[in-house]
Each structure stands twice: as C-alpha cells, then as structure tokens.
Amino acid sequence: LVFGAGCIGLVSMMALKAEGVSKVYVVDIMQ
C-alpha cells in the first residue's frame, strides 16, 4: 500500500510493480 499519489508516491508504486510485488494499492484524497 502506498500513501500519497504525488510524484514520489507514483514512482514508488511503479517501482514496487517493477520489483514484482503482486498487488499495489494507492491512497490519496485527490481522485
């Protein structure tokens, strides 16, 4: 789970996916 979908949150999410993490969820207040 990644808290925050700004630049660093988004690149963290993509890094997790690139390293094979099966499921990555993201939390933010901006749709």
Full PDB file with SEQRES, HELIX, SHEET, SSBOND, CRYST1, ORIGX, SCALE, CONECT and MASTER records, all heavy atoms in Angstrom:
SEQRES   1 A   31  LEU VAL PHE GLY ALA GLY CYS ILE GLY LEU VAL SER MET          
SEQRES   2 A   31  MET ALA LEU LYS ALA GLU GLY VAL SER LYS VAL TYR VAL          
SEQRES   3 A   31  VAL ASP ILE MET GLN                                          
HELIX    1 AA1 CYS A    7  ALA A   18  1                                  12    
SHEET    1 AA1 2 VAL A   2  PHE A   3  0                                        
SHEET    2 AA1 2 VAL A  26  VAL A  27  1                                        
CRYST1    1.000    1.000    1.000  90.00  90.00  90.00 P 1           1          
ORIGX1      1.000000  0.000000  0.000000        0.00000                         
ORIGX2      0.000000  1.000000  0.000000        0.00000                         
ORIGX3      0.000000  0.000000  1.000000        0.00000                         
SCALE1      1.000000  0.000000  0.000000        0.00000                         
SCALE2      0.000000  1.000000  0.000000        0.00000                         
SCALE3      0.000000  0.000000  1.000000        0.00000                         
ATOM      1  N   LEU A   1       0.847  -1.181   0.000  1.00  0.00           N  
ATOM      2  CA  LEU A   1       0.000   0.000   0.000  1.00  0.00           C  
ATOM      3  C   LEU A   1       0.886   1.236   0.000  1.00  0.00           C  
ATOM      4  O   LEU A   1       1.839   1.325   0.779  1.00  0.00           O  
ATOM      5  CB  LEU A   1      -0.895   0.008   1.243  1.00  0.00           C  
ATOM      6  CG  LEU A   1      -1.866   1.176   1.415  1.00  0.00           C  
ATOM      7  CD1 LEU A   1      -2.896   1.193   0.290  1.00  0.00           C  
ATOM      8  CD2 LEU A   1      -2.566   1.100   2.773  1.00  0.00           C  
ATOM      9  N   VAL A   2       0.579   2.182  -0.886  1.00  0.00           N  
ATOM     10  CA  VAL A   2       1.310   3.446  -0.965  1.00  0.00           C  
ATOM     11  C   VAL A   2       0.381   4.564  -0.538  1.00  0.00           C  
ATOM     12  O   VAL A   2      -0.703   4.735  -1.099  1.00  0.00           O  
ATOM     13  CB  VAL A   2       1.830   3.717  -2.394  1.00  0.00           C  
ATOM     14  CG1 VAL A   2       2.535   5.074  -2.463  1.00  0.00           C  
ATOM     15  CG2 VAL A   2       2.780   2.605  -2.833  1.00  0.00           C  
ATOM     16  N   PHE A   3       0.798   5.325   0.477  1.00  0.00           N  
ATOM     17  CA  PHE A   3       0.051   6.503   0.888  1.00  0.00           C  
ATOM     18  C   PHE A   3       0.614   7.719   0.146  1.00  0.00           C  
ATOM     19  O   PHE A   3       1.793   8.043   0.265  1.00  0.00           O  
ATOM     20  CB  PHE A   3       0.169   6.735   2.393  1.00  0.00           C  
ATOM     21  CG  PHE A   3      -0.713   5.837   3.215  1.00  0.00           C  
ATOM     22  CD1 PHE A   3      -0.215   4.673   3.767  1.00  0.00           C  
ATOM     23  CD2 PHE A   3      -2.045   6.161   3.431  1.00  0.00           C  
ATOM     24  CE1 PHE A   3      -1.023   3.847   4.532  1.00  0.00           C  
ATOM     25  CE2 PHE A   3      -2.873   5.338   4.193  1.00  0.00           C  
ATOM     26  CZ  PHE A   3      -2.360   4.172   4.742  1.00  0.00           C  
ATOM     27  N   GLY A   4      -0.254   8.391  -0.627  1.00  0.00           N  
ATOM     28  CA  GLY A   4       0.146   9.556  -1.397  1.00  0.00           C  
ATOM     29  C   GLY A   4       0.358   9.206  -2.852  1.00  0.00           C  
ATOM     30  O   GLY A   4       1.099   8.276  -3.173  1.00  0.00           O  
ATOM     31  N   ALA A   5      -0.302   9.941  -3.739  1.00  0.00           N  
ATOM     32  CA  ALA A   5      -0.180   9.695  -5.181  1.00  0.00           C  
ATOM     33  C   ALA A   5       0.390  10.900  -5.894  1.00  0.00           C  
ATOM     34  O   ALA A   5       0.031  11.207  -7.028  1.00  0.00           O  
ATOM     35  CB  ALA A   5      -1.539   9.321  -5.777  1.00  0.00           C  
ATOM     36  N   GLY A   6       1.295  11.624  -5.232  1.00  0.00           N  
ATOM     37  CA  GLY A   6       2.078  12.643  -5.905  1.00  0.00           C  
ATOM     38  C   GLY A   6       3.190  11.976  -6.684  1.00  0.00           C  
ATOM     39  O   GLY A   6       3.188  10.758  -6.897  1.00  0.00           O  
ATOM     40  N   CYS A   7       4.172  12.743  -7.088  1.00  0.00           N  
ATOM     41  CA  CYS A   7       5.258  12.188  -7.902  1.00  0.00           C  
ATOM     42  C   CYS A   7       5.937  11.017  -7.203  1.00  0.00           C  
ATOM     43  O   CYS A   7       6.097   9.937  -7.780  1.00  0.00           O  
ATOM     44  CB  CYS A   7       6.278  13.285  -8.211  1.00  0.00           C  
ATOM     45  SG  CYS A   7       7.727  12.681  -9.115  1.00  0.00           S  
ATOM     46  N   ILE A   8       6.367  11.198  -5.947  1.00  0.00           N  
ATOM     47  CA  ILE A   8       7.100  10.144  -5.256  1.00  0.00           C  
ATOM     48  C   ILE A   8       6.207   8.941  -4.981  1.00  0.00           C  
ATOM     49  O   ILE A   8       6.652   7.786  -5.063  1.00  0.00           O  
ATOM     50  CB  ILE A   8       7.733  10.679  -3.957  1.00  0.00           C  
ATOM     51  CG1 ILE A   8       8.741  11.786  -4.283  1.00  0.00           C  
ATOM     52  CG2 ILE A   8       8.417   9.561  -3.187  1.00  0.00           C  
ATOM     53  CD1 ILE A   8       9.879  11.339  -5.210  1.00  0.00           C  
ATOM     54  N   GLY A   9       4.948   9.178  -4.669  1.00  0.00           N  
ATOM     55  CA  GLY A   9       4.030   8.068  -4.481  1.00  0.00           C  
ATOM     56  C   GLY A   9       3.857   7.250  -5.749  1.00  0.00           C  
ATOM     57  O   GLY A   9       3.860   6.015  -5.724  1.00  0.00           O  
ATOM     58  N   LEU A  10       3.734   7.938  -6.877  1.00  0.00           N  
ATOM     59  CA  LEU A  10       3.547   7.236  -8.150  1.00  0.00           C  
ATOM     60  C   LEU A  10       4.782   6.454  -8.555  1.00  0.00           C  
ATOM     61  O   LEU A  10       4.682   5.309  -9.003  1.00  0.00           O  
ATOM     62  CB  LEU A  10       3.165   8.236  -9.244  1.00  0.00           C  
ATOM     63  CG  LEU A  10       1.782   8.868  -9.112  1.00  0.00           C  
ATOM     64  CD1 LEU A  10       1.575   9.945 -10.168  1.00  0.00           C  
ATOM     65  CD2 LEU A  10       0.687   7.809  -9.226  1.00  0.00           C  
ATOM     66  N   VAL A  11       5.962   7.053  -8.403  1.00  0.00           N  
ATOM     67  CA  VAL A  11       7.175   6.308  -8.781  1.00  0.00           C  
ATOM     68  C   VAL A  11       7.424   5.164  -7.806  1.00  0.00           C  
ATOM     69  O   VAL A  11       7.971   4.114  -8.202  1.00  0.00           O  
ATOM     70  CB  VAL A  11       8.412   7.226  -8.897  1.00  0.00           C  
ATOM     71  CG1 VAL A  11       8.245   8.206 -10.046  1.00  0.00           C  
ATOM     72  CG2 VAL A  11       8.714   7.954  -7.595  1.00  0.00           C  
ATOM     73  N   SER A  12       7.026   5.330  -6.543  1.00  0.00           N  
ATOM     74  CA  SER A  12       7.147   4.217  -5.594  1.00  0.00           C  
ATOM     75  C   SER A  12       6.229   3.073  -5.998  1.00  0.00           C  
ATOM     76  O   SER A  12       6.613   1.895  -5.941  1.00  0.00           O  
ATOM     77  CB  SER A  12       6.809   4.693  -4.177  1.00  0.00           C  
ATOM     78  OG  SER A  12       7.739   5.648  -3.721  1.00  0.00           O  
ATOM     79  N   MET A  13       5.008   3.411  -6.398  1.00  0.00           N  
ATOM     80  CA  MET A  13       4.083   2.386  -6.851  1.00  0.00           C  
ATOM     81  C   MET A  13       4.641   1.641  -8.057  1.00  0.00           C  
ATOM     82  O   MET A  13       4.626   0.401  -8.115  1.00  0.00           O  
ATOM     83  CB  MET A  13       2.735   3.028  -7.196  1.00  0.00           C  
ATOM     84  CG  MET A  13       1.670   2.059  -7.704  1.00  0.00           C  
ATOM     85  SD  MET A  13       1.720   1.779  -9.507  1.00  0.00           S  
ATOM     86  CE  MET A  13       1.231   3.395 -10.102  1.00  0.00           C  
ATOM     87  N   MET A  14       5.194   2.385  -9.024  1.00  0.00           N  
ATOM     88  CA  MET A  14       5.740   1.739 -10.217  1.00  0.00           C  
ATOM     89  C   MET A  14       6.985   0.921  -9.892  1.00  0.00           C  
ATOM     90  O   MET A  14       7.216  -0.137 -10.483  1.00  0.00           O  
ATOM     91  CB  MET A  14       6.030   2.785 -11.290  1.00  0.00           C  
ATOM     92  CG  MET A  14       4.776   3.387 -11.895  1.00  0.00           C  
ATOM     93  SD  MET A  14       5.077   4.383 -13.385  1.00  0.00           S  
ATOM     94  CE  MET A  14       5.856   5.835 -12.663  1.00  0.00           C  
ATOM     95  N   ALA A  15       7.791   1.383  -8.941  1.00  0.00           N  
ATOM     96  CA  ALA A  15       8.967   0.615  -8.530  1.00  0.00           C  
ATOM     97  C   ALA A  15       8.551  -0.705  -7.885  1.00  0.00           C  
ATOM     98  O   ALA A  15       9.153  -1.761  -8.136  1.00  0.00           O  
ATOM     99  CB  ALA A  15       9.820   1.441  -7.572  1.00  0.00           C  
ATOM    100  N   LEU A  16       7.528  -0.656  -7.044  1.00  0.00           N  
ATOM    101  CA  LEU A  16       7.027  -1.879  -6.430  1.00  0.00           C  
ATOM    102  C   LEU A  16       6.554  -2.877  -7.486  1.00  0.00           C  
ATOM    103  O   LEU A  16       6.848  -4.078  -7.407  1.00  0.00           O  
ATOM    104  CB  LEU A  16       5.881  -1.556  -5.467  1.00  0.00           C  
ATOM    105  CG  LEU A  16       6.262  -0.822  -4.180  1.00  0.00           C  
ATOM    106  CD1 LEU A  16       5.013  -0.311  -3.475  1.00  0.00           C  
ATOM    107  CD2 LEU A  16       7.063  -1.725  -3.249  1.00  0.00           C  
ATOM    108  N   LYS A  17       5.811  -2.382  -8.470  1.00  0.00           N  
ATOM    109  CA  LYS A  17       5.338  -3.258  -9.540  1.00  0.00           C  
ATOM    110  C   LYS A  17       6.504  -3.824 -10.334  1.00  0.00           C  
ATOM    111  O   LYS A  17       6.522  -5.014 -10.682  1.00  0.00           O  
ATOM    112  CB  LYS A  17       4.398  -2.479 -10.467  1.00  0.00           C  
ATOM    113  CG  LYS A  17       3.124  -1.969  -9.808  1.00  0.00           C  
ATOM    114  CD  LYS A  17       2.148  -3.087  -9.502  1.00  0.00           C  
ATOM    115  CE  LYS A  17       1.516  -3.655 -10.747  1.00  0.00           C  
ATOM    116  NZ  LYS A  17       0.452  -4.647 -10.433  1.00  0.00           N  
ATOM    117  N   ALA A  18       7.517  -2.984 -10.603  1.00  0.00           N  
ATOM    118  CA  ALA A  18       8.675  -3.431 -11.363  1.00  0.00           C  
ATOM    119  C   ALA A  18       9.458  -4.503 -10.620  1.00  0.00           C  
ATOM    120  O   ALA A  18      10.099  -5.366 -11.238  1.00  0.00           O  
ATOM    121  CB  ALA A  18       9.586  -2.245 -11.679  1.00  0.00           C  
ATOM    122  N   GLU A  19       9.417  -4.459  -9.294  1.00  0.00           N  
ATOM    123  CA  GLU A  19      10.146  -5.449  -8.494  1.00  0.00           C  
ATOM    124  C   GLU A  19       9.305  -6.678  -8.184  1.00  0.00           C  
ATOM    125  O   GLU A  19       9.699  -7.531  -7.390  1.00  0.00           O  
ATOM    126  CB  GLU A  19      10.675  -4.805  -7.220  1.00  0.00           C  
ATOM    127  CG  GLU A  19      11.723  -3.734  -7.514  1.00  0.00           C  
ATOM    128  CD  GLU A  19      12.630  -3.440  -6.339  1.00  0.00           C  
ATOM    129  OE1 GLU A  19      12.339  -3.921  -5.221  1.00  0.00           O  
ATOM    130  OE2 GLU A  19      13.631  -2.746  -6.533  1.00  0.00           O  
ATOM    131  N   GLY A  20       8.135  -6.763  -8.804  1.00  0.00           N  
ATOM    132  CA  GLY A  20       7.365  -7.993  -8.739  1.00  0.00           C  
ATOM    133  C   GLY A  20       6.308  -8.083  -7.673  1.00  0.00           C  
ATOM    134  O   GLY A  20       5.689  -9.153  -7.498  1.00  0.00           O  
ATOM    135  N   VAL A  21       6.071  -6.984  -6.939  1.00  0.00           N  
ATOM    136  CA  VAL A  21       5.029  -7.019  -5.912  1.00  0.00           C  
ATOM    137  C   VAL A  21       3.678  -7.320  -6.581  1.00  0.00           C  
ATOM    138  O   VAL A  21       3.309  -6.683  -7.572  1.00  0.00           O  
ATOM    139  CB  VAL A  21       4.984  -5.691  -5.132  1.00  0.00           C  
ATOM    140  CG1 VAL A  21       3.819  -5.685  -4.156  1.00  0.00           C  
ATOM    141  CG2 VAL A  21       6.299  -5.489  -4.391  1.00  0.00           C  
ATOM    142  N   SER A  22       2.969  -8.268  -6.034  1.00  0.00           N  
ATOM    143  CA  SER A  22       1.775  -8.784  -6.706  1.00  0.00           C  
ATOM    144  C   SER A  22       0.639  -7.780  -6.770  1.00  0.00           C  
ATOM    145  O   SER A  22      -0.002  -7.605  -7.816  1.00  0.00           O  
ATOM    146  CB  SER A  22       1.303 -10.055  -5.995  1.00  0.00           C  
ATOM    147  OG  SER A  22       2.333 -11.019  -5.970  1.00  0.00           O  
ATOM    148  N   LYS A  23       0.352  -7.135  -5.646  1.00  0.00           N  
ATOM    149  CA  LYS A  23      -0.747  -6.178  -5.593  1.00  0.00           C  
ATOM    150  C   LYS A  23      -0.269  -4.894  -4.927  1.00  0.00           C  
ATOM    151  O   LYS A  23       0.301  -4.944  -3.833  1.00  0.00           O  
ATOM    152  CB  LYS A  23      -1.931  -6.752  -4.818  1.00  0.00           C  
ATOM    153  CG  LYS A  23      -2.559  -7.994  -5.453  1.00  0.00           C  
ATOM    154  CD  LYS A  23      -3.711  -8.523  -4.603  1.00  0.00           C  
ATOM    155  CE  LYS A  23      -4.330  -9.768  -5.230  1.00  0.00           C  
ATOM    156  NZ  LYS A  23      -5.431 -10.306  -4.387  1.00  0.00           N  
ATOM    157  N   VAL A  24      -0.523  -3.756  -5.589  1.00  0.00           N  
ATOM    158  CA  VAL A  24      -0.124  -2.456  -5.041  1.00  0.00           C  
ATOM    159  C   VAL A  24      -1.338  -1.531  -5.070  1.00  0.00           C  
ATOM    160  O   VAL A  24      -1.855  -1.198  -6.147  1.00  0.00           O  
ATOM    161  CB  VAL A  24       1.032  -1.824  -5.833  1.00  0.00           C  
ATOM    162  CG1 VAL A  24       1.455  -0.511  -5.165  1.00  0.00           C  
ATOM    163  CG2 VAL A  24       2.212  -2.780  -5.928  1.00  0.00           C  
ATOM    164  N   TYR A  25      -1.780  -1.112  -3.892  1.00  0.00           N  
ATOM    165  CA  TYR A  25      -2.894  -0.178  -3.764  1.00  0.00           C  
ATOM    166  C   TYR A  25      -2.352   1.208  -3.411  1.00  0.00           C  
ATOM    167  O   TYR A  25      -1.278   1.341  -2.815  1.00  0.00           O  
ATOM    168  CB  TYR A  25      -3.866  -0.651  -2.685  1.00  0.00           C  
ATOM    169  CG  TYR A  25      -4.509  -1.984  -2.992  1.00  0.00           C  
ATOM    170  CD1 TYR A  25      -3.968  -3.172  -2.491  1.00  0.00           C  
ATOM    171  CD2 TYR A  25      -5.650  -2.061  -3.789  1.00  0.00           C  
ATOM    172  CE1 TYR A  25      -4.549  -4.399  -2.780  1.00  0.00           C  
ATOM    173  CE2 TYR A  25      -6.235  -3.288  -4.089  1.00  0.00           C  
ATOM    174  CZ  TYR A  25      -5.680  -4.452  -3.582  1.00  0.00           C  
ATOM    175  OH  TYR A  25      -6.265  -5.669  -3.876  1.00  0.00           O  
ATOM    176  N   VAL A  26      -3.108   2.241  -3.778  1.00  0.00           N  
ATOM    177  CA  VAL A  26      -2.674   3.620  -3.557  1.00  0.00           C  
ATOM    178  C   VAL A  26      -3.804   4.395  -2.880  1.00  0.00           C  
ATOM    179  O   VAL A  26      -4.970   4.286  -3.269  1.00  0.00           O  
ATOM    180  CB  VAL A  26      -2.285   4.313  -4.882  1.00  0.00           C  
ATOM    181  CG1 VAL A  26      -1.864   5.766  -4.630  1.00  0.00           C  
ATOM    182  CG2 VAL A  26      -1.152   3.548  -5.568  1.00  0.00           C  
ATOM    183  N   VAL A  27      -3.435   5.198  -1.876  1.00  0.00           N  
ATOM    184  CA  VAL A  27      -4.385   6.031  -1.133  1.00  0.00           C  
ATOM    185  C   VAL A  27      -4.072   7.501  -1.359  1.00  0.00           C  
ATOM    186  O   VAL A  27      -2.906   7.917  -1.302  1.00  0.00           O  
ATOM    187  CB  VAL A  27      -4.323   5.730   0.380  1.00  0.00           C  
ATOM    188  CG1 VAL A  27      -5.248   6.671   1.145  1.00  0.00           C  
ATOM    189  CG2 VAL A  27      -4.672   4.282   0.665  1.00  0.00           C  
ATOM    190  N   ASP A  28      -5.099   8.292  -1.606  1.00  0.00           N  
ATOM    191  CA  ASP A  28      -4.937   9.740  -1.726  1.00  0.00           C  
ATOM    192  C   ASP A  28      -6.312  10.368  -1.540  1.00  0.00           C  
ATOM    193  O   ASP A  28      -7.328   9.656  -1.495  1.00  0.00           O  
ATOM    194  CB  ASP A  28      -4.338  10.126  -3.088  1.00  0.00           C  
ATOM    195  CG  ASP A  28      -3.648  11.482  -3.056  1.00  0.00           C  
ATOM    196  OD1 ASP A  28      -4.359  12.501  -3.007  1.00  0.00           O  
ATOM    197  OD2 ASP A  28      -2.403  11.541  -3.056  1.00  0.00           O  
ATOM    198  N   ILE A  29      -6.342  11.708  -1.449  1.00  0.00           N  
ATOM    199  CA  ILE A  29      -7.622  12.401  -1.340  1.00  0.00           C  
ATOM    200  C   ILE A  29      -8.027  13.049  -2.661  1.00  0.00           C  
ATOM    201  O   ILE A  29      -9.110  13.608  -2.769  1.00  0.00           O  
ATOM    202  CB  ILE A  29      -7.594  13.475  -0.235  1.00  0.00           C  
ATOM    203  CG1 ILE A  29      -6.547  14.547  -0.537  1.00  0.00           C  
ATOM    204  CG2 ILE A  29      -7.360  12.844   1.120  1.00  0.00           C  
ATOM    205  CD1 ILE A  29      -6.594  15.730   0.418  1.00  0.00           C  
ATOM    206  N   MET A  30      -7.152  12.995  -3.669  1.00  0.00           N  
ATOM    207  CA  MET A  30      -7.420  13.610  -4.967  1.00  0.00           C  
ATOM    208  C   MET A  30      -7.759  12.529  -5.990  1.00  0.00           C  
ATOM    209  O   MET A  30      -6.910  11.697  -6.326  1.00  0.00           O  
ATOM    210  CB  MET A  30      -6.206  14.397  -5.453  1.00  0.00           C  
ATOM    211  CG  MET A  30      -5.806  15.528  -4.534  1.00  0.00           C  
ATOM    212  SD  MET A  30      -7.018  16.851  -4.595  1.00  0.00           S  
ATOM    213  CE  MET A  30      -6.188  18.075  -3.583  1.00  0.00           C  
ATOM    214  N   GLN A  31      -8.971  12.539  -6.511  1.00  0.00           N  
ATOM    215  CA  GLN A  31      -9.393  11.487  -7.420  1.00  0.00           C  
ATOM    216  C   GLN A  31      -8.584  11.486  -8.708  1.00  0.00           C  
ATOM    217  O   GLN A  31      -8.287  10.420  -9.251  1.00  0.00           O  
ATOM    218  CB  GLN A  31     -10.890  11.626  -7.731  1.00  0.00           C  
ATOM    219  CG  GLN A  31     -11.452  10.441  -8.507  1.00  0.00           C  
ATOM    220  CD  GLN A  31     -11.263   9.115  -7.781  1.00  0.00           C  
ATOM    221  OE1 GLN A  31     -11.522   9.005  -6.585  1.00  0.00           O  
ATOM    222  NE2 GLN A  31     -10.791   8.096  -8.501  1.00  0.00           N  
TER     223      GLN A  31                                                      
MASTER        0    0    0    1    2    0    0    6  222    1    0    3          
END                                                                             
